[in-house]
């Protein structure tokens, strides 16, 4: 069985197994051509699927980056409100204590 190395380095079978009767009926040459054609179709589909997955991941990654930027901007606003809400009363307390 012919194989090729996958992304993770594992051997993956790519040859279609056909019955001995198929070989006897159509001959070795025609059957081998059919197997080669099936393997080429399989490789084409795999490469198209890989490209589609890479495009989808790219879109997902850009949306994720956008969402993270939005969350960080929102978080910055809340942090400012928190610190302003803490510093202003504290400053008022310090001023009040210095007057006494």
Protein backbone atom coordinates (compact mmCIF):
# COMPACT_ATOMS: atom_id res chain seq x y z
CA UNK A 1 0.00 0.00 0.00
CA UNK A 2 1.36 3.40 -0.97
CA UNK A 3 1.32 6.08 1.69
CA UNK A 4 2.36 9.63 2.26
CA UNK A 5 3.40 11.56 5.30
CA UNK A 6 0.68 13.64 6.92
CA UNK A 7 1.02 16.95 8.75
CA UNK A 8 1.88 15.15 11.99
CA UNK A 9 4.40 12.84 10.33
CA UNK A 10 2.18 9.76 10.34
CA UNK A 11 1.86 7.55 7.30
CA UNK A 12 -1.61 7.68 5.80
CA UNK A 13 -2.82 5.15 3.22
CA UNK A 14 -3.95 6.82 0.03
CA UNK A 15 -4.25 3.88 -2.34
CA UNK A 16 -7.73 2.57 -2.94
CA UNK A 17 -7.99 -1.16 -2.37
CA UNK A 18 -9.80 -2.91 -5.16
CA UNK A 19 -10.81 -6.54 -5.22
CA UNK A 20 -8.79 -9.16 -7.08
CA UNK A 21 -11.87 -9.73 -9.30
CA UNK A 22 -11.70 -6.07 -10.37
CA UNK A 23 -8.06 -6.56 -11.40
CA UNK A 24 -8.93 -9.78 -13.24
CA UNK A 25 -11.85 -8.18 -15.09
CA UNK A 26 -10.24 -4.91 -16.17
CA UNK A 27 -6.55 -5.77 -16.08
CA UNK A 28 -3.64 -4.44 -14.09
CA UNK A 29 -2.95 -1.38 -16.24
CA UNK A 30 -6.52 0.00 -16.29
CA UNK A 31 -7.03 -0.72 -12.60
CA UNK A 32 -3.75 0.97 -11.69
CA UNK A 33 -4.78 4.03 -13.73
CA UNK A 34 -8.10 4.12 -11.87
CA UNK A 35 -6.33 3.85 -8.51
CA UNK A 36 -3.97 6.68 -9.51
CA UNK A 37 -6.94 8.82 -10.59
CA UNK A 38 -8.70 8.19 -7.28
CA UNK A 39 -5.52 9.13 -5.41
CA UNK A 40 -5.20 12.38 -7.38
CA UNK A 41 -8.83 13.26 -6.65
CA UNK A 42 -8.22 12.49 -2.99
CA UNK A 43 -5.12 14.72 -2.90
CA UNK A 44 -7.00 17.54 -4.64
CA UNK A 45 -9.86 17.35 -2.15
CA UNK A 46 -7.43 17.28 0.75
CA UNK A 47 -5.54 20.31 -0.49
CA UNK A 48 -8.78 22.22 -1.14
CA UNK A 49 -10.02 21.32 2.33
CA UNK A 50 -6.71 22.42 3.85
CA UNK A 51 -6.89 25.77 2.02
CA UNK A 52 -10.51 26.26 3.10
CA UNK A 53 -9.61 25.48 6.71
CA UNK A 54 -6.72 27.95 6.58
CA UNK A 55 -9.00 30.67 5.19
CA UNK A 56 -11.63 30.00 7.85
CA UNK A 57 -9.00 30.02 10.59
CA UNK A 58 -7.65 33.32 9.27
CA UNK A 59 -11.13 34.84 9.43
CA UNK A 60 -11.68 33.42 12.91
CA UNK A 61 -8.34 34.75 14.09
CA UNK A 62 -9.02 38.26 12.76
CA UNK A 63 -12.45 38.31 14.42
CA UNK A 64 -10.91 37.07 17.65
CA UNK A 65 -8.26 39.81 17.53
CA UNK A 66 -10.99 42.39 16.95
CA UNK A 67 -13.04 41.09 19.88
CA UNK A 68 -10.00 41.07 22.17
CA UNK A 69 -9.26 44.70 21.21
CA UNK A 70 -12.88 45.64 21.98
CA UNK A 71 -12.74 43.90 25.37
CA UNK A 72 -9.46 45.60 26.24
CA UNK A 73 -10.89 49.02 25.36
CA UNK A 74 -13.99 48.29 27.48
CA UNK A 75 -11.77 47.06 30.31
CA UNK A 76 -9.68 50.25 30.15
CA UNK A 77 -12.84 52.35 30.55
CA UNK A 78 -13.93 50.34 33.59
CA UNK A 79 -10.47 50.53 35.14
CA UNK A 80 -10.47 54.31 34.75
CA UNK A 81 -13.91 54.56 36.36
CA UNK A 82 -12.82 52.29 39.21
CA UNK A 83 -9.66 54.27 39.93
CA UNK A 84 -11.41 57.62 39.58
CA UNK A 85 -14.14 56.37 41.91
CA UNK A 86 -11.49 55.38 44.43
CA UNK A 87 -9.08 58.32 44.15
CA UNK A 88 -11.67 61.13 44.28
CA UNK A 89 -13.19 60.13 47.67
CA UNK A 90 -9.73 59.33 49.01
CA UNK A 91 -8.50 62.78 47.98
CA UNK A 92 -11.57 64.31 49.65
CA UNK A 93 -10.84 62.37 52.83
CA UNK A 94 -7.20 63.52 52.85
CA UNK A 95 -8.25 67.16 52.33
CA UNK A 96 -10.84 66.86 55.12
CA UNK A 97 -8.28 65.35 57.51
CA UNK A 98 -5.72 68.08 56.73
CA UNK A 99 -8.27 70.80 57.57
CA UNK A 100 -8.91 69.39 60.99
